[in-house]
Amino acid sequence: MQIYKVPYNFRHEEKVFGGYASLRQGIYLILAIFSLGIVFIPNLLISIKVVLTAFFISIFALFAFLKIEEINADKYFINILKYLFRKKIYIYER
């Protein structure tokens, strides 16, 4: 029996929301909309509500649409966190 190598392209995302946004992008946009719920927290200053809401909406929007050197921003952020929290080997030389 012959075996053929099949190339896989996992960098492509299928656009499911109107042919424009992928499932990953849709989830981030839904999270951005749900972050508007911060406005309805009682006993919190309005300035803090505005800053927190703007921060979370901008972070989720960047994670949904920004690409850094052909890598999505959320995957880039996860790679940065993995680098920061991994065990490092320090070599001391003079």
PDB file of N, CA and C in Angstrom:
ATOM      1  N   MET A   1       0.834  -1.167   0.000  1.00  0.00           N
ATOM      2  CA  MET A   1       0.000   0.000   0.000  1.00  0.00           C
ATOM      3  C   MET A   1       0.890   1.245   0.000  1.00  0.00           C
ATOM      4  N   GLN A   2       0.524   2.210  -0.819  1.00  0.00           N
ATOM      5  CA  GLN A   2       1.290   3.440  -0.909  1.00  0.00           C
ATOM      6  C   GLN A   2       0.821   4.424   0.159  1.00  0.00           C
ATOM      7  N   ILE A   3       1.764   5.176   0.680  1.00  0.00           N
ATOM      8  CA  ILE A   3       1.460   6.184   1.689  1.00  0.00           C
ATOM      9  C   ILE A   3       1.830   7.545   1.103  1.00  0.00           C
ATOM     10  N   TYR A   4       0.879   8.466   1.151  1.00  0.00           N
ATOM     11  CA  TYR A   4       1.099   9.814   0.634  1.00  0.00           C
ATOM     12  C   TYR A   4       1.113  10.793   1.798  1.00  0.00           C
ATOM     13  N   LYS A   5       2.054  11.723   1.751  1.00  0.00           N
ATOM     14  CA  LYS A   5       2.100  12.774   2.752  1.00  0.00           C
ATOM     15  C   LYS A   5       1.092  13.848   2.360  1.00  0.00           C
ATOM     16  N   VAL A   6       0.246  14.207   3.300  1.00  0.00           N
ATOM     17  CA  VAL A   6      -0.765  15.222   3.051  1.00  0.00           C
ATOM     18  C   VAL A   6      -0.338  16.494   3.771  1.00  0.00           C
ATOM     19  N   PRO A   7      -0.185  17.587   3.047  1.00  0.00           N
ATOM     20  CA  PRO A   7       0.216  18.836   3.711  1.00  0.00           C
ATOM     21  C   PRO A   7      -0.959  19.438   4.490  1.00  0.00           C
ATOM     22  N   TYR A   8      -0.669  19.925   5.664  1.00  0.00           N
ATOM     23  CA  TYR A   8      -1.681  20.552   6.495  1.00  0.00           C
ATOM     24  C   TYR A   8      -1.352  22.031   6.638  1.00  0.00           C
ATOM     25  N   ASN A   9      -2.366  22.844   6.564  1.00  0.00           N
ATOM     26  CA  ASN A   9      -2.205  24.280   6.756  1.00  0.00           C
ATOM     27  C   ASN A   9      -3.082  24.682   7.931  1.00  0.00           C
ATOM     28  N   PHE A  10      -2.487  24.781   9.112  1.00  0.00           N
ATOM     29  CA  PHE A  10      -3.250  25.120  10.303  1.00  0.00           C
ATOM     30  C   PHE A  10      -3.267  26.621  10.578  1.00  0.00           C
ATOM     31  N   ARG A  11      -2.659  27.406   9.753  1.00  0.00           N
ATOM     32  CA  ARG A  11      -2.660  28.846   9.963  1.00  0.00           C
ATOM     33  C   ARG A  11      -3.914  29.503   9.396  1.00  0.00           C
ATOM     34  N   HIS A  12      -4.656  28.780   8.619  1.00  0.00           N
ATOM     35  CA  HIS A  12      -5.858  29.324   8.003  1.00  0.00           C
ATOM     36  C   HIS A  12      -7.048  29.128   8.932  1.00  0.00           C
ATOM     37  N   GLU A  13      -7.847  30.173   9.118  1.00  0.00           N
ATOM     38  CA  GLU A  13      -9.055  30.080   9.923  1.00  0.00           C
ATOM     39  C   GLU A  13     -10.260  30.242   9.016  1.00  0.00           C
ATOM     40  N   GLU A  14     -11.228  29.394   9.210  1.00  0.00           N
ATOM     41  CA  GLU A  14     -12.438  29.482   8.407  1.00  0.00           C
ATOM     42  C   GLU A  14     -13.318  30.598   8.945  1.00  0.00           C
ATOM     43  N   LYS A  15     -13.743  31.475   8.074  1.00  0.00           N
ATOM     44  CA  LYS A  15     -14.580  32.609   8.462  1.00  0.00           C
ATOM     45  C   LYS A  15     -16.032  32.147   8.551  1.00  0.00           C
ATOM     46  N   VAL A  16     -16.590  32.123   9.758  1.00  0.00           N
ATOM     47  CA  VAL A  16     -17.931  31.595   9.945  1.00  0.00           C
ATOM     48  C   VAL A  16     -18.972  32.680  10.203  1.00  0.00           C
ATOM     49  N   PHE A  17     -18.565  33.854  10.631  1.00  0.00           N
ATOM     50  CA  PHE A  17     -19.503  34.942  10.913  1.00  0.00           C
ATOM     51  C   PHE A  17     -19.536  35.909   9.741  1.00  0.00           C
ATOM     52  N   GLY A  18     -20.433  35.674   8.820  1.00  0.00           N
ATOM     53  CA  GLY A  18     -20.608  36.556   7.678  1.00  0.00           C
ATOM     54  C   GLY A  18     -19.440  36.540   6.710  1.00  0.00           C
ATOM     55  N   GLY A  19     -18.595  35.549   6.779  1.00  0.00           N
ATOM     56  CA  GLY A  19     -17.436  35.487   5.898  1.00  0.00           C
ATOM     57  C   GLY A  19     -16.351  36.472   6.276  1.00  0.00           C
ATOM     58  N   TYR A  20     -16.473  37.112   7.437  1.00  0.00           N
ATOM     59  CA  TYR A  20     -15.492  38.114   7.842  1.00  0.00           C
ATOM     60  C   TYR A  20     -14.728  37.705   9.101  1.00  0.00           C
ATOM     61  N   ALA A  21     -15.429  37.133  10.085  1.00  0.00           N
ATOM     62  CA  ALA A  21     -14.801  36.826  11.362  1.00  0.00           C
ATOM     63  C   ALA A  21     -14.805  35.319  11.608  1.00  0.00           C
ATOM     64  N   SER A  22     -13.702  34.834  12.150  1.00  0.00           N
ATOM     65  CA  SER A  22     -13.604  33.419  12.479  1.00  0.00           C
ATOM     66  C   SER A  22     -14.246  33.174  13.849  1.00  0.00           C
ATOM     67  N   LEU A  23     -14.294  31.921  14.242  1.00  0.00           N
ATOM     68  CA  LEU A  23     -14.878  31.566  15.533  1.00  0.00           C
ATOM     69  C   LEU A  23     -14.065  32.180  16.667  1.00  0.00           C
ATOM     70  N   ARG A  24     -12.746  32.162  16.556  1.00  0.00           N
ATOM     71  CA  ARG A  24     -11.887  32.764  17.574  1.00  0.00           C
ATOM     72  C   ARG A  24     -12.157  34.255  17.711  1.00  0.00           C
ATOM     73  N   GLN A  25     -12.279  34.938  16.567  1.00  0.00           N
ATOM     74  CA  GLN A  25     -12.554  36.373  16.591  1.00  0.00           C
ATOM     75  C   GLN A  25     -13.940  36.646  17.153  1.00  0.00           C
ATOM     76  N   GLY A  26     -14.907  35.804  16.825  1.00  0.00           N
ATOM     77  CA  GLY A  26     -16.265  35.974  17.344  1.00  0.00           C
ATOM     78  C   GLY A  26     -16.310  35.836  18.856  1.00  0.00           C
ATOM     79  N   ILE A  27     -15.560  34.886  19.393  1.00  0.00           N
ATOM     80  CA  ILE A  27     -15.532  34.713  20.847  1.00  0.00           C
ATOM     81  C   ILE A  27     -14.921  35.934  21.523  1.00  0.00           C
ATOM     82  N   TYR A  28     -13.852  36.481  20.957  1.00  0.00           N
ATOM     83  CA  TYR A  28     -13.258  37.681  21.541  1.00  0.00           C
ATOM     84  C   TYR A  28     -14.198  38.882  21.445  1.00  0.00           C
ATOM     85  N   LEU A  29     -14.940  38.994  20.361  1.00  0.00           N
ATOM     86  CA  LEU A  29     -15.894  40.097  20.255  1.00  0.00           C
ATOM     87  C   LEU A  29     -17.043  39.944  21.242  1.00  0.00           C
ATOM     88  N   ILE A  30     -17.481  38.719  21.480  1.00  0.00           N
ATOM     89  CA  ILE A  30     -18.530  38.487  22.478  1.00  0.00           C
ATOM     90  C   ILE A  30     -18.012  38.816  23.875  1.00  0.00           C
ATOM     91  N   LEU A  31     -16.772  38.455  24.175  1.00  0.00           N
ATOM     92  CA  LEU A  31     -16.181  38.817  25.462  1.00  0.00           C
ATOM     93  C   LEU A  31     -16.065  40.333  25.618  1.00  0.00           C
ATOM     94  N   ALA A  32     -15.771  41.033  24.528  1.00  0.00           N
ATOM     95  CA  ALA A  32     -15.704  42.502  24.579  1.00  0.00           C
ATOM     96  C   ALA A  32     -17.070  43.094  24.881  1.00  0.00           C
ATOM     97  N   ILE A  33     -18.107  42.512  24.305  1.00  0.00           N
ATOM     98  CA  ILE A  33     -19.464  43.005  24.575  1.00  0.00           C
ATOM     99  C   ILE A  33     -19.858  42.714  26.019  1.00  0.00           C
ATOM    100  N   PHE A  34     -19.503  41.522  26.520  1.00  0.00           N
ATOM    101  CA  PHE A  34     -19.821  41.189  27.910  1.00  0.00           C
ATOM    102  C   PHE A  34     -19.037  42.040  28.897  1.00  0.00           C
ATOM    103  N   SER A  35     -17.913  42.575  28.494  1.00  0.00           N
ATOM    104  CA  SER A  35     -17.149  43.433  29.396  1.00  0.00           C
ATOM    105  C   SER A  35     -17.864  44.763  29.645  1.00  0.00           C
ATOM    106  N   LEU A  36     -18.870  45.070  28.849  1.00  0.00           N
ATOM    107  CA  LEU A  36     -19.689  46.256  29.121  1.00  0.00           C
ATOM    108  C   LEU A  36     -20.479  46.101  30.413  1.00  0.00           C
ATOM    109  N   GLY A  37     -20.593  44.882  30.918  1.00  0.00           N
ATOM    110  CA  GLY A  37     -21.284  44.636  32.183  1.00  0.00           C
ATOM    111  C   GLY A  37     -20.603  45.285  33.368  1.00  0.00           C
ATOM    112  N   ILE A  38     -19.344  45.682  33.209  1.00  0.00           N
ATOM    113  CA  ILE A  38     -18.634  46.386  34.285  1.00  0.00           C
ATOM    114  C   ILE A  38     -19.347  47.689  34.622  1.00  0.00           C
ATOM    115  N   VAL A  39     -20.001  48.269  33.649  1.00  0.00           N
ATOM    116  CA  VAL A  39     -20.703  49.543  33.866  1.00  0.00           C
ATOM    117  C   VAL A  39     -21.818  49.389  34.888  1.00  0.00           C
ATOM    118  N   PHE A  40     -22.372  48.196  35.017  1.00  0.00           N
ATOM    119  CA  PHE A  40     -23.522  47.994  35.888  1.00  0.00           C
ATOM    120  C   PHE A  40     -23.140  47.548  37.301  1.00  0.00           C
ATOM    121  N   ILE A  41     -21.862  47.568  37.635  1.00  0.00           N
ATOM    122  CA  ILE A  41     -21.432  47.229  38.991  1.00  0.00           C
ATOM    123  C   ILE A  41     -21.725  48.422  39.900  1.00  0.00           C
ATOM    124  N   PRO A  42     -22.521  48.195  40.952  1.00  0.00           N
ATOM    125  CA  PRO A  42     -22.826  49.317  41.853  1.00  0.00           C
ATOM    126  C   PRO A  42     -21.646  49.625  42.777  1.00  0.00           C
ATOM    127  N   ASN A  43     -21.682  50.794  43.379  1.00  0.00           N
ATOM    128  CA  ASN A  43     -20.686  51.250  44.355  1.00  0.00           C
ATOM    129  C   ASN A  43     -19.272  51.290  43.787  1.00  0.00           C
ATOM    130  N   LEU A  44     -19.146  51.648  42.531  1.00  0.00           N
ATOM    131  CA  LEU A  44     -17.847  51.790  41.897  1.00  0.00           C
ATOM    132  C   LEU A  44     -17.845  53.122  41.154  1.00  0.00           C
ATOM    133  N   LEU A  45     -16.765  53.861  41.276  1.00  0.00           N
ATOM    134  CA  LEU A  45     -16.697  55.170  40.636  1.00  0.00           C
ATOM    135  C   LEU A  45     -16.836  55.042  39.122  1.00  0.00           C
ATOM    136  N   ILE A  46     -17.504  56.006  38.517  1.00  0.00           N
ATOM    137  CA  ILE A  46     -17.747  55.965  37.077  1.00  0.00           C
ATOM    138  C   ILE A  46     -16.442  56.036  36.297  1.00  0.00           C
ATOM    139  N   SER A  47     -15.457  56.749  36.815  1.00  0.00           N
ATOM    140  CA  SER A  47     -14.177  56.837  36.105  1.00  0.00           C
ATOM    141  C   SER A  47     -13.477  55.471  36.073  1.00  0.00           C
ATOM    142  N   ILE A  48     -13.562  54.718  37.177  1.00  0.00           N
ATOM    143  CA  ILE A  48     -12.969  53.383  37.203  1.00  0.00           C
ATOM    144  C   ILE A  48     -13.716  52.457  36.251  1.00  0.00           C
ATOM    145  N   LYS A  49     -15.042  52.587  36.194  1.00  0.00           N
ATOM    146  CA  LYS A  49     -15.843  51.775  35.273  1.00  0.00           C
ATOM    147  C   LYS A  49     -15.452  52.037  33.826  1.00  0.00           C
ATOM    148  N   VAL A  50     -15.283  53.298  33.482  1.00  0.00           N
ATOM    149  CA  VAL A  50     -14.937  53.661  32.101  1.00  0.00           C
ATOM    150  C   VAL A  50     -13.555  53.141  31.735  1.00  0.00           C
ATOM    151  N   VAL A  51     -12.593  53.300  32.634  1.00  0.00           N
ATOM    152  CA  VAL A  51     -11.231  52.853  32.355  1.00  0.00           C
ATOM    153  C   VAL A  51     -11.180  51.338  32.205  1.00  0.00           C
ATOM    154  N   LEU A  52     -11.815  50.607  33.109  1.00  0.00           N
ATOM    155  CA  LEU A  52     -11.806  49.147  33.021  1.00  0.00           C
ATOM    156  C   LEU A  52     -12.513  48.650  31.767  1.00  0.00           C
ATOM    157  N   THR A  53     -13.656  49.247  31.450  1.00  0.00           N
ATOM    158  CA  THR A  53     -14.396  48.837  30.257  1.00  0.00           C
ATOM    159  C   THR A  53     -13.583  49.104  28.995  1.00  0.00           C
ATOM    160  N   ALA A  54     -12.992  50.300  28.899  1.00  0.00           N
ATOM    161  CA  ALA A  54     -12.182  50.627  27.725  1.00  0.00           C
ATOM    162  C   ALA A  54     -10.965  49.712  27.615  1.00  0.00           C
ATOM    163  N   PHE A  55     -10.356  49.369  28.739  1.00  0.00           N
ATOM    164  CA  PHE A  55      -9.199  48.484  28.737  1.00  0.00           C
ATOM    165  C   PHE A  55      -9.569  47.102  28.212  1.00  0.00           C
ATOM    166  N   PHE A  56     -10.624  46.510  28.759  1.00  0.00           N
ATOM    167  CA  PHE A  56     -11.003  45.160  28.346  1.00  0.00           C
ATOM    168  C   PHE A  56     -11.503  45.116  26.906  1.00  0.00           C
ATOM    169  N   ILE A  57     -12.255  46.114  26.483  1.00  0.00           N
ATOM    170  CA  ILE A  57     -12.731  46.139  25.091  1.00  0.00           C
ATOM    171  C   ILE A  57     -11.549  46.260  24.137  1.00  0.00           C
ATOM    172  N   SER A  58     -10.579  47.115  24.459  1.00  0.00           N
ATOM    173  CA  SER A  58      -9.428  47.274  23.565  1.00  0.00           C
ATOM    174  C   SER A  58      -8.563  46.011  23.535  1.00  0.00           C
ATOM    175  N   ILE A  59      -8.372  45.357  24.683  1.00  0.00           N
ATOM    176  CA  ILE A  59      -7.575  44.125  24.711  1.00  0.00           C
ATOM    177  C   ILE A  59      -8.251  43.037  23.882  1.00  0.00           C
ATOM    178  N   PHE A  60      -9.560  42.839  24.061  1.00  0.00           N
ATOM    179  CA  PHE A  60     -10.255  41.800  23.312  1.00  0.00           C
ATOM    180  C   PHE A  60     -10.307  42.118  21.818  1.00  0.00           C
ATOM    181  N   ALA A  61     -10.443  43.385  21.462  1.00  0.00           N
ATOM    182  CA  ALA A  61     -10.443  43.757  20.045  1.00  0.00           C
ATOM    183  C   ALA A  61      -9.059  43.523  19.419  1.00  0.00           C
ATOM    184  N   LEU A  62      -8.003  43.834  20.168  1.00  0.00           N
ATOM    185  CA  LEU A  62      -6.659  43.567  19.662  1.00  0.00           C
ATOM    186  C   LEU A  62      -6.415  42.064  19.505  1.00  0.00           C
ATOM    187  N   PHE A  63      -6.856  41.275  20.489  1.00  0.00           N
ATOM    188  CA  PHE A  63      -6.706  39.825  20.397  1.00  0.00           C
ATOM    189  C   PHE A  63      -7.481  39.270  19.207  1.00  0.00           C
ATOM    190  N   ALA A  64      -8.586  39.895  18.858  1.00  0.00           N
ATOM    191  CA  ALA A  64      -9.407  39.383  17.755  1.00  0.00           C
ATOM    192  C   ALA A  64      -8.801  39.708  16.388  1.00  0.00           C
ATOM    193  N   PHE A  65      -8.258  40.906  16.206  1.00  0.00           N
ATOM    194  CA  PHE A  65      -7.922  41.345  14.860  1.00  0.00           C
ATOM    195  C   PHE A  65      -6.455  41.630  14.588  1.00  0.00           C
ATOM    196  N   LEU A  66      -5.633  41.868  15.609  1.00  0.00           N
ATOM    197  CA  LEU A  66      -4.247  42.266  15.379  1.00  0.00           C
ATOM    198  C   LEU A  66      -3.374  41.059  15.077  1.00  0.00           C
ATOM    199  N   LYS A  67      -2.525  41.201  14.057  1.00  0.00           N
ATOM    200  CA  LYS A  67      -1.522  40.187  13.740  1.00  0.00           C
ATOM    201  C   LYS A  67      -0.148  40.829  13.845  1.00  0.00           C
ATOM    202  N   ILE A  68       0.762  40.113  14.532  1.00  0.00           N
ATOM    203  CA  ILE A  68       2.130  40.576  14.680  1.00  0.00           C
ATOM    204  C   ILE A  68       3.001  39.571  13.951  1.00  0.00           C
ATOM    205  N   GLU A  69       3.574  39.991  12.840  1.00  0.00           N
ATOM    206  CA  GLU A  69       4.406  39.127  11.997  1.00  0.00           C
ATOM    207  C   GLU A  69       3.695  37.808  11.679  1.00  0.00           C
ATOM    208  N   GLU A  70       2.491  37.890  11.185  1.00  0.00           N
ATOM    209  CA  GLU A  70       1.678  36.737  10.770  1.00  0.00           C
ATOM    210  C   GLU A  70       1.288  35.813  11.915  1.00  0.00           C
ATOM    211  N   ILE A  71       1.404  36.291  13.170  1.00  0.00           N
ATOM    212  CA  ILE A  71       0.953  35.533  14.338  1.00  0.00           C
ATOM    213  C   ILE A  71      -0.144  36.358  15.006  1.00  0.00           C
ATOM    214  N   ASN A  72      -1.260  35.716  15.335  1.00  0.00           N
ATOM    215  CA  ASN A  72      -2.352  36.430  15.994  1.00  0.00           C
ATOM    216  C   ASN A  72      -1.893  36.944  17.351  1.00  0.00           C
ATOM    217  N   ALA A  73      -2.458  38.072  17.766  1.00  0.00           N
ATOM    218  CA  ALA A  73      -2.004  38.731  18.989  1.00  0.00           C
ATOM    219  C   ALA A  73      -2.246  37.880  20.224  1.00  0.00           C
ATOM    220  N   ASP A  74      -3.325  37.101  20.267  1.00  0.00           N
ATOM    221  CA  ASP A  74      -3.568  36.270  21.443  1.00  0.00           C
ATOM    222  C   ASP A  74      -2.534  35.153  21.555  1.00  0.00           C
ATOM    223  N   LYS A  75      -2.164  34.551  20.446  1.00  0.00           N
ATOM    224  CA  LYS A  75      -1.136  33.514  20.472  1.00  0.00           C
ATOM    225  C   LYS A  75       0.228  34.114  20.807  1.00  0.00           C
ATOM    226  N   TYR A  76       0.475  35.322  20.332  1.00  0.00           N
ATOM    227  CA  TYR A  76       1.714  36.029  20.648  1.00  0.00           C
ATOM    228  C   TYR A  76       1.796  36.311  22.151  1.00  0.00           C
ATOM    229  N   PHE A  77       0.675  36.742  22.732  1.00  0.00           N
ATOM    230  CA  PHE A  77       0.605  37.023  24.162  1.00  0.00           C
ATOM    231  C   PHE A  77       0.835  35.745  24.980  1.00  0.00           C
ATOM    232  N   ILE A  78       0.248  34.629  24.548  1.00  0.00           N
ATOM    233  CA  ILE A  78       0.450  33.354  25.235  1.00  0.00           C
ATOM    234  C   ILE A  78       1.913  32.932  25.156  1.00  0.00           C
ATOM    235  N   ASN A  79       2.552  33.145  24.002  1.00  0.00           N
ATOM    236  CA  ASN A  79       3.972  32.821  23.876  1.00  0.00           C
ATOM    237  C   ASN A  79       4.837  33.674  24.795  1.00  0.00           C
ATOM    238  N   ILE A  80       4.477  34.940  24.966  1.00  0.00           N
ATOM    239  CA  ILE A  80       5.211  35.814  25.888  1.00  0.00           C
ATOM    240  C   ILE A  80       5.059  35.312  27.314  1.00  0.00           C
ATOM    241  N   LEU A  81       3.831  34.930  27.713  1.00  0.00           N
ATOM    242  CA  LEU A  81       3.622  34.407  29.056  1.00  0.00           C
ATOM    243  C   LEU A  81       4.385  33.103  29.291  1.00  0.00           C
ATOM    244  N   LYS A  82       4.408  32.243  28.276  1.00  0.00           N
ATOM    245  CA  LYS A  82       5.171  30.993  28.401  1.00  0.00           C
ATOM    246  C   LYS A  82       6.654  31.299  28.591  1.00  0.00           C
ATOM    247  N   TYR A  83       7.169  32.277  27.887  1.00  0.00           N
ATOM    248  CA  TYR A  83       8.576  32.637  28.019  1.00  0.00           C
ATOM    249  C   TYR A  83       8.864  33.204  29.414  1.00  0.00           C
ATOM    250  N   LEU A  84       7.979  34.045  29.913  1.00  0.00           N
ATOM    251  CA  LEU A  84       8.221  34.668  31.205  1.00  0.00           C
ATOM    252  C   LEU A  84       8.176  33.671  32.358  1.00  0.00           C
ATOM    253  N   PHE A  85       7.310  32.682  32.271  1.00  0.00           N
ATOM    254  CA  PHE A  85       7.108  31.774  33.396  1.00  0.00           C
ATOM    255  C   PHE A  85       7.805  30.421  33.260  1.00  0.00           C
ATOM    256  N   ARG A  86       8.575  30.225  32.203  1.00  0.00           N
ATOM    257  CA  ARG A  86       9.284  28.961  32.082  1.00  0.00           C
ATOM    258  C   ARG A  86      10.535  28.969  32.954  1.00  0.00           C
ATOM    259  N   LYS A  87      11.032  27.793  33.215  1.00  0.00           N
ATOM    260  CA  LYS A  87      12.239  27.677  34.005  1.00  0.00           C
ATOM    261  C   LYS A  87      13.429  28.092  33.143  1.00  0.00           C
ATOM    262  N   LYS A  88      14.222  29.001  33.664  1.00  0.00           N
ATOM    263  CA  LYS A  88      15.348  29.533  32.914  1.00  0.00           C
ATOM    264  C   LYS A  88      16.661  29.026  33.501  1.00  0.00           C
ATOM    265  N   ILE A  89      17.637  28.907  32.648  1.00  0.00           N
ATOM    266  CA  ILE A  89      18.977  28.512  33.057  1.00  0.00           C
ATOM    267  C   ILE A  89      19.875  29.738  32.908  1.00  0.00           C
ATOM    268  N   TYR A  90      20.479  30.158  34.014  1.00  0.00           N
ATOM    269  CA  TYR A  90      21.363  31.309  33.974  1.00  0.00           C
ATOM    270  C   TYR A  90      22.809  30.822  34.024  1.00  0.00           C
ATOM    271  N   ILE A  91      23.594  31.264  33.078  1.00  0.00           N
ATOM    272  CA  ILE A  91      24.997  30.892  33.012  1.00  0.00           C
ATOM    273  C   ILE A  91      25.814  32.130  33.350  1.00  0.00           C
ATOM    274  N   TYR A  92      26.617  32.011  34.397  1.00  0.00           N
ATOM    275  CA  TYR A  92      27.427  33.141  34.825  1.00  0.00           C
ATOM    276  C   TYR A  92      28.823  33.016  34.225  1.00  0.00           C
ATOM    277  N   GLU A  93      29.233  34.016  33.459  1.00  0.00           N
ATOM    278  CA  GLU A  93      30.567  34.047  32.884  1.00  0.00           C
ATOM    279  C   GLU A  93      31.157  35.421  33.070  1.00  0.00           C
ATOM    280  N   ARG A  94      32.470  35.432  33.186  1.00  0.00           N
ATOM    281  CA  ARG A  94      33.167  36.727  33.293  1.00  0.00           C
ATOM    282  C   ARG A  94      33.967  36.980  32.067  1.00  0.00           C
TER     283      ARG A  94
END
